Structure formats: structure tokens, C-alpha cells
Amino acid sequence: MIRSISRLVRLGPFARKAVALVTGLATIAAAYGCLPLNCTEVGCDDSFSIITTTADKSWAEGEYALELSVDGDEVSCSYTWTNTPQAGGGGMFVQCSPSIIVSINTFMQCTETSDGDSVSQSCTPIPGKLAQGIKIQGTPARVDVVVRRDGAVVGERSFTPEYQTSYPNGEACGPECRGDAQDWELP
């Protein structure tokens, strides 16, 4: 290409080098634009989560009722906690509405082991150490929560989420997800 340009226009040695550099950069730019993106298909969703604990990380037995106001929409649900995690330490899940899930989860003690180039992790539940999770799909601007146990108010609080954007497959691949998680310690 440089020779064909130099035949049309008389170029000095410096100009030929400049044309060669520009041609090379244009070729690299064109080739880069043609490379396929290697995107994974990791999904995500917009959500706001509230992780509710107590000072000693226990979760008392009882009849629980949650009253939530999500941007003014009222939702309530209830569950019974018997302080008996499922086999393997798993908790319980309650679908309060199509967009709200409440769960009781066991805290885990995890150990990481390295062997050459590989790393593995094993986790075991910590008996009696629990948290209540409230996951709200979407990006509400305000969430008000009242937690009752056996009819008595255990706690109430208003939340204003501060969402962070994430791209689990890389920004060029999508999807874009917004999320926030806040901690709440009950007495």
C-alpha cells in the first residue's frame, strides 16, 4: 500500500514512515473491531437487600410478621421460626410477594485451601448464628420495614438505597445490574 501511495505522490523517507505508521494503526484498529467478544452468560437482577441480625447473631423462635412499604406499596407476610435450620444448615424461605423474598440464613465458617494452582473452599454452618434477609427485586427509592415477633414490635426502620452498578460479564457484554445491601441490627 505504501508503494502504491508513493507512486501517486512523491514521498520523502519521513513521510513514507508516517504513512506506514498510520496504515499499521488503521489495520490494527480494524482488526480489533472484528474480534468477537468472549462474553459469559452470568445473569443478575436489580435488587435491594436488607440483612437483619441481632447483637449475638441469634434469631429467637416465634411467629414473625413483616410489614413493608416499598415506594408506598404495602406488603406483609409472616412465618414461624422454630430455631431448627434445615439439614446441612440451610435456612428457610418465604415468598412475601412476587418481588419480595424473606429468608433465614445460617452464618457460615469458611476455610480456603491452596494446592499449587488450585484453590478450594469449604464452608460449615455456625450453630445458632442466623440472619434474616429481605430481598426486594427492582430498585425502590424508599423501603419502610416493621418486624414483629409474637405480636410485639421488634424493630422498625426506613431505608433509602444507594445503588451500585455492576456488569458480571464485563461492561461490553451486559447485562447491567443495580443493587444495594444494607445491614440492620435488631435489639
C-alpha atoms as a PDB file:
ATOM      1  CA  MET A   1       0.000   0.000   0.000  1.00  0.00           C
ATOM      2  CA  ILE A   2       2.868   2.367   0.837  1.00  0.00           C
ATOM      3  CA  ARG A   3       4.412   1.743  -2.600  1.00  0.00           C
ATOM      4  CA  SER A   4       1.120   2.454  -4.360  1.00  0.00           C
ATOM      5  CA  ILE A   5       0.716   5.724  -2.453  1.00  0.00           C
ATOM      6  CA  SER A   6       4.318   6.709  -3.122  1.00  0.00           C
ATOM      7  CA  ARG A   7       3.771   6.114  -6.852  1.00  0.00           C
ATOM      8  CA  LEU A   8       0.870   8.564  -6.852  1.00  0.00           C
ATOM      9  CA  VAL A   9       2.547  11.162  -4.655  1.00  0.00           C
ATOM     10  CA  ARG A  10       6.268  11.646  -4.313  1.00  0.00           C
ATOM     11  CA  LEU A  11       7.000  10.999  -0.584  1.00  0.00           C
ATOM     12  CA  GLY A  12      10.220  11.546   1.283  1.00  0.00           C
ATOM     13  CA  PRO A  13      11.556   8.940   3.763  1.00  0.00           C
ATOM     14  CA  PHE A  14       9.919  10.630   6.767  1.00  0.00           C
ATOM     15  CA  ALA A  15       6.532  10.861   5.040  1.00  0.00           C
ATOM     16  CA  ARG A  16       6.736   7.186   3.986  1.00  0.00           C
ATOM     17  CA  LYS A  17       7.329   6.193   7.634  1.00  0.00           C
ATOM     18  CA  ALA A  18       4.361   8.316   8.743  1.00  0.00           C
ATOM     19  CA  VAL A  19       2.124   6.724   6.111  1.00  0.00           C
ATOM     20  CA  ALA A  20       3.337   3.254   7.194  1.00  0.00           C
ATOM     21  CA  LEU A  21       2.586   4.044  10.840  1.00  0.00           C
ATOM     22  CA  VAL A  22      -0.907   5.365  10.095  1.00  0.00           C
ATOM     23  CA  THR A  23      -1.642   2.383   7.840  1.00  0.00           C
ATOM     24  CA  GLY A  24      -0.463  -0.020  10.538  1.00  0.00           C
ATOM     25  CA  LEU A  25      -2.583   1.642  13.220  1.00  0.00           C
ATOM     26  CA  ALA A  26      -5.626   1.608  10.945  1.00  0.00           C
ATOM     27  CA  THR A  27      -5.107  -2.105  10.270  1.00  0.00           C
ATOM     28  CA  ILE A  28      -4.826  -2.862  13.995  1.00  0.00           C
ATOM     29  CA  ALA A  29      -7.935  -0.792  14.765  1.00  0.00           C
ATOM     30  CA  ALA A  30      -9.905  -2.570  12.042  1.00  0.00           C
ATOM     31  CA  ALA A  31      -8.753  -5.987  13.236  1.00  0.00           C
ATOM     32  CA  TYR A  32      -9.614  -5.175  16.866  1.00  0.00           C
ATOM     33  CA  GLY A  33     -13.120  -4.161  15.845  1.00  0.00           C
ATOM     34  CA  CYS A  34     -13.577  -7.528  14.166  1.00  0.00           C
ATOM     35  CA  LEU A  35     -12.565  -9.639  17.149  1.00  0.00           C
ATOM     36  CA  PRO A  36     -15.571 -11.358  18.734  1.00  0.00           C
ATOM     37  CA  LEU A  37     -16.305 -10.620  22.382  1.00  0.00           C
ATOM     38  CA  ASN A  38     -15.993 -13.650  24.613  1.00  0.00           C
ATOM     39  CA  CYS A  39     -18.900 -12.957  26.920  1.00  0.00           C
ATOM     40  CA  THR A  40     -20.156 -15.269  29.619  1.00  0.00           C
ATOM     41  CA  GLU A  41     -23.862 -15.556  30.346  1.00  0.00           C
ATOM     42  CA  VAL A  42     -23.865 -14.745  34.055  1.00  0.00           C
ATOM     43  CA  GLY A  43     -27.195 -13.176  34.919  1.00  0.00           C
ATOM     44  CA  CYS A  44     -28.114 -10.674  37.564  1.00  0.00           C
ATOM     45  CA  ASP A  45     -31.086  -8.629  38.611  1.00  0.00           C
ATOM     46  CA  ASP A  46     -31.705  -5.224  40.104  1.00  0.00           C
ATOM     47  CA  SER A  47     -32.382  -5.577  43.818  1.00  0.00           C
ATOM     48  CA  PHE A  48     -32.230  -4.105  47.294  1.00  0.00           C
ATOM     49  CA  SER A  49     -31.424  -6.382  50.241  1.00  0.00           C
ATOM     50  CA  ILE A  50     -31.697  -5.870  53.988  1.00  0.00           C
ATOM     51  CA  ILE A  51     -29.587  -8.203  56.166  1.00  0.00           C
ATOM     52  CA  THR A  52     -31.151  -8.233  59.640  1.00  0.00           C
ATOM     53  CA  THR A  53     -29.211  -9.588  62.628  1.00  0.00           C
ATOM     54  CA  THR A  54     -29.118  -9.296  66.397  1.00  0.00           C
ATOM     55  CA  ALA A  55     -26.067  -8.402  68.503  1.00  0.00           C
ATOM     56  CA  ASP A  56     -25.315 -12.059  69.300  1.00  0.00           C
ATOM     57  CA  LYS A  57     -26.414 -13.285  65.823  1.00  0.00           C
ATOM     58  CA  SER A  58     -29.170 -15.480  67.280  1.00  0.00           C
ATOM     59  CA  TRP A  59     -32.706 -15.493  65.862  1.00  0.00           C
ATOM     60  CA  ALA A  60     -35.341 -16.119  68.515  1.00  0.00           C
ATOM     61  CA  GLU A  61     -38.140 -18.634  67.994  1.00  0.00           C
ATOM     62  CA  GLY A  62     -41.582 -17.208  67.364  1.00  0.00           C
ATOM     63  CA  GLU A  63     -44.269 -16.032  64.986  1.00  0.00           C
ATOM     64  CA  TYR A  64     -42.817 -13.284  62.815  1.00  0.00           C
ATOM     65  CA  ALA A  65     -44.761 -10.699  60.816  1.00  0.00           C
ATOM     66  CA  LEU A  66     -43.156  -8.245  58.441  1.00  0.00           C
ATOM     67  CA  GLU A  67     -44.863  -5.083  57.237  1.00  0.00           C
ATOM     68  CA  LEU A  68     -43.112  -3.442  54.304  1.00  0.00           C
ATOM     69  CA  SER A  69     -43.822  -0.292  52.368  1.00  0.00           C
ATOM     70  CA  VAL A  70     -41.896  -0.321  49.084  1.00  0.00           C
ATOM     71  CA  ASP A  71     -42.230   3.083  47.439  1.00  0.00           C
ATOM     72  CA  GLY A  72     -45.678   3.326  49.042  1.00  0.00           C
ATOM     73  CA  ASP A  73     -46.873  -0.174  48.074  1.00  0.00           C
ATOM     74  CA  GLU A  74     -47.815  -2.118  51.211  1.00  0.00           C
ATOM     75  CA  VAL A  75     -46.752  -5.770  51.554  1.00  0.00           C
ATOM     76  CA  SER A  76     -46.964  -8.026  54.586  1.00  0.00           C
ATOM     77  CA  CYS A  77     -46.041 -11.613  55.258  1.00  0.00           C
ATOM     78  CA  SER A  78     -45.446 -13.893  58.180  1.00  0.00           C
ATOM     79  CA  TYR A  79     -43.517 -17.012  59.095  1.00  0.00           C
ATOM     80  CA  THR A  80     -42.856 -19.245  62.066  1.00  0.00           C
ATOM     81  CA  TRP A  81     -39.248 -19.758  63.139  1.00  0.00           C
ATOM     82  CA  THR A  82     -38.590 -22.777  65.365  1.00  0.00           C
ATOM     83  CA  ASN A  83     -34.820 -22.269  65.552  1.00  0.00           C
ATOM     84  CA  THR A  84     -34.339 -25.503  63.632  1.00  0.00           C
ATOM     85  CA  PRO A  85     -32.300 -24.982  60.464  1.00  0.00           C
ATOM     86  CA  GLN A  86     -32.813 -27.456  57.644  1.00  0.00           C
ATOM     87  CA  ALA A  87     -30.383 -30.318  57.085  1.00  0.00           C
ATOM     88  CA  GLY A  88     -26.949 -29.029  56.087  1.00  0.00           C
ATOM     89  CA  GLY A  89     -27.528 -25.770  57.955  1.00  0.00           C
ATOM     90  CA  GLY A  90     -29.786 -24.195  55.344  1.00  0.00           C
ATOM     91  CA  GLY A  91     -32.438 -21.751  56.399  1.00  0.00           C
ATOM     92  CA  MET A  92     -35.958 -21.128  55.261  1.00  0.00           C
ATOM     93  CA  PHE A  93     -37.501 -19.001  52.516  1.00  0.00           C
ATOM     94  CA  VAL A  94     -40.835 -17.155  52.432  1.00  0.00           C
ATOM     95  CA  GLN A  95     -42.206 -15.575  49.245  1.00  0.00           C
ATOM     96  CA  CYS A  96     -43.948 -12.428  50.515  1.00  0.00           C
ATOM     97  CA  SER A  97     -44.916 -11.179  47.066  1.00  0.00           C
ATOM     98  CA  PRO A  98     -43.752 -11.803  43.508  1.00  0.00           C
ATOM     99  CA  SER A  99     -40.881  -9.359  44.112  1.00  0.00           C
ATOM    100  CA  ILE A 100     -40.058  -9.876  47.835  1.00  0.00           C
ATOM    101  CA  ILE A 101     -38.395 -12.908  49.426  1.00  0.00           C
ATOM    102  CA  VAL A 102     -37.591 -13.256  53.129  1.00  0.00           C
ATOM    103  CA  SER A 103     -35.076 -15.848  54.272  1.00  0.00           C
ATOM    104  CA  ILE A 104     -33.439 -17.054  57.456  1.00  0.00           C
ATOM    105  CA  ASN A 105     -29.823 -17.954  56.734  1.00  0.00           C
ATOM    106  CA  THR A 106     -27.138 -19.572  58.839  1.00  0.00           C
ATOM    107  CA  PHE A 107     -23.785 -17.829  59.141  1.00  0.00           C
ATOM    108  CA  MET A 108     -21.003 -19.970  57.696  1.00  0.00           C
ATOM    109  CA  GLN A 109     -17.407 -20.557  58.709  1.00  0.00           C
ATOM    110  CA  CYS A 110     -15.367 -20.975  55.522  1.00  0.00           C
ATOM    111  CA  THR A 111     -11.855 -22.335  55.095  1.00  0.00           C
ATOM    112  CA  GLU A 112      -9.797 -21.804  51.958  1.00  0.00           C
ATOM    113  CA  THR A 113      -7.152 -24.336  50.933  1.00  0.00           C
ATOM    114  CA  SER A 114      -4.456 -23.760  48.285  1.00  0.00           C
ATOM    115  CA  ASP A 115      -2.703 -26.596  46.482  1.00  0.00           C
ATOM    116  CA  GLY A 116      -0.390 -25.386  43.737  1.00  0.00           C
ATOM    117  CA  ASP A 117      -2.502 -23.576  41.157  1.00  0.00           C
ATOM    118  CA  SER A 118      -5.856 -24.620  42.598  1.00  0.00           C
ATOM    119  CA  VAL A 119      -7.838 -23.096  45.434  1.00  0.00           C
ATOM    120  CA  SER A 120     -10.798 -24.724  47.151  1.00  0.00           C
ATOM    121  CA  GLN A 121     -13.167 -23.517  49.812  1.00  0.00           C
ATOM    122  CA  SER A 122     -15.303 -25.458  52.251  1.00  0.00           C
ATOM    123  CA  CYS A 123     -17.949 -23.936  54.488  1.00  0.00           C
ATOM    124  CA  THR A 124     -19.780 -25.274  57.533  1.00  0.00           C
ATOM    125  CA  PRO A 125     -22.737 -23.670  59.324  1.00  0.00           C
ATOM    126  CA  ILE A 126     -22.173 -21.987  62.675  1.00  0.00           C
ATOM    127  CA  PRO A 127     -24.866 -23.370  65.014  1.00  0.00           C
ATOM    128  CA  GLY A 128     -27.224 -20.713  66.387  1.00  0.00           C
ATOM    129  CA  LYS A 129     -25.794 -17.853  64.283  1.00  0.00           C
ATOM    130  CA  LEU A 130     -28.544 -16.617  61.955  1.00  0.00           C
ATOM    131  CA  ALA A 131     -29.621 -13.614  59.888  1.00  0.00           C
ATOM    132  CA  GLN A 132     -32.897 -12.636  58.288  1.00  0.00           C
ATOM    133  CA  GLY A 133     -32.563 -11.492  54.703  1.00  0.00           C
ATOM    134  CA  ILE A 134     -35.167  -9.405  52.875  1.00  0.00           C
ATOM    135  CA  LYS A 135     -34.595  -9.236  49.118  1.00  0.00           C
ATOM    136  CA  ILE A 136     -36.661  -6.812  47.058  1.00  0.00           C
ATOM    137  CA  GLN A 137     -36.422  -7.108  43.288  1.00  0.00           C
ATOM    138  CA  GLY A 138     -36.181  -3.831  41.410  1.00  0.00           C
ATOM    139  CA  THR A 139     -34.753  -0.507  42.538  1.00  0.00           C
ATOM    140  CA  PRO A 140     -37.106   1.070  45.073  1.00  0.00           C
ATOM    141  CA  ALA A 141     -36.216   4.573  46.259  1.00  0.00           C
ATOM    142  CA  ARG A 142     -37.545   4.001  49.795  1.00  0.00           C
ATOM    143  CA  VAL A 143     -38.377   0.943  51.879  1.00  0.00           C
ATOM    144  CA  ASP A 144     -40.011   1.056  55.329  1.00  0.00           C
ATOM    145  CA  VAL A 145     -39.952  -2.131  57.422  1.00  0.00           C
ATOM    146  CA  VAL A 146     -41.635  -3.179  60.683  1.00  0.00           C
ATOM    147  CA  VAL A 147     -40.644  -6.540  62.205  1.00  0.00           C
ATOM    148  CA  ARG A 148     -42.924  -8.144  64.803  1.00  0.00           C
ATOM    149  CA  ARG A 149     -42.326 -11.279  66.858  1.00  0.00           C
ATOM    150  CA  ASP A 150     -45.300 -12.803  68.647  1.00  0.00           C
ATOM    151  CA  GLY A 151     -47.240  -9.565  68.041  1.00  0.00           C
ATOM    152  CA  ALA A 152     -44.677  -7.207  69.617  1.00  0.00           C
ATOM    153  CA  VAL A 153     -42.651  -4.765  67.502  1.00  0.00           C
ATOM    154  CA  VAL A 154     -39.006  -5.884  67.480  1.00  0.00           C
ATOM    155  CA  GLY A 155     -37.822  -3.101  65.194  1.00  0.00           C
ATOM    156  CA  GLU A 156     -38.831  -0.601  62.556  1.00  0.00           C
ATOM    157  CA  ARG A 157     -36.710   1.365  60.143  1.00  0.00           C
ATOM    158  CA  SER A 158     -36.741   3.302  56.868  1.00  0.00           C
ATOM    159  CA  PHE A 159     -34.148   2.614  54.172  1.00  0.00           C
ATOM    160  CA  THR A 160     -33.007   4.762  51.264  1.00  0.00           C
ATOM    161  CA  PRO A 161     -30.944   2.521  48.965  1.00  0.00           C
ATOM    162  CA  GLU A 162     -27.731   3.744  47.342  1.00  0.00           C
ATOM    163  CA  TYR A 163     -27.403   1.558  44.263  1.00  0.00           C
ATOM    164  CA  GLN A 164     -24.127   0.474  42.690  1.00  0.00           C
ATOM    165  CA  THR A 165     -23.954  -0.669  39.064  1.00  0.00           C
ATOM    166  CA  SER A 166     -22.277  -3.961  38.199  1.00  0.00           C
ATOM    167  CA  TYR A 167     -21.544  -5.855  34.981  1.00  0.00           C
ATOM    168  CA  PRO A 168     -20.991  -9.547  35.847  1.00  0.00           C
ATOM    169  CA  ASN A 169     -19.875 -10.378  32.276  1.00  0.00           C
ATOM    170  CA  GLY A 170     -17.955  -7.182  31.629  1.00  0.00           C
ATOM    171  CA  GLU A 171     -19.295  -3.781  30.662  1.00  0.00           C
ATOM    172  CA  ALA A 172     -19.238  -4.505  26.902  1.00  0.00           C
ATOM    173  CA  CYS A 173     -21.243  -7.726  27.276  1.00  0.00           C
ATOM    174  CA  GLY A 174     -24.103  -6.781  29.588  1.00  0.00           C
ATOM    175  CA  PRO A 175     -26.322  -7.109  31.478  1.00  0.00           C
ATOM    176  CA  GLU A 176     -26.114  -4.016  33.660  1.00  0.00           C
ATOM    177  CA  CYS A 177     -27.465  -4.530  37.167  1.00  0.00           C
ATOM    178  CA  ARG A 178     -28.036  -2.169  40.057  1.00  0.00           C
ATOM    179  CA  GLY A 179     -28.016  -3.303  43.656  1.00  0.00           C
ATOM    180  CA  ASP A 180     -27.574  -2.347  47.270  1.00  0.00           C
ATOM    181  CA  ALA A 181     -27.475  -4.308  50.525  1.00  0.00           C
ATOM    182  CA  GLN A 182     -27.732  -2.717  53.958  1.00  0.00           C
ATOM    183  CA  ASP A 183     -27.285  -4.181  57.424  1.00  0.00           C
ATOM    184  CA  TRP A 184     -29.802  -3.729  60.236  1.00  0.00           C
ATOM    185  CA  GLU A 185     -29.156  -4.877  63.794  1.00  0.00           C
ATOM    186  CA  LEU A 186     -32.237  -5.521  65.921  1.00  0.00           C
ATOM    187  CA  PRO A 187     -32.151  -5.460  69.734  1.00  0.00           C
END
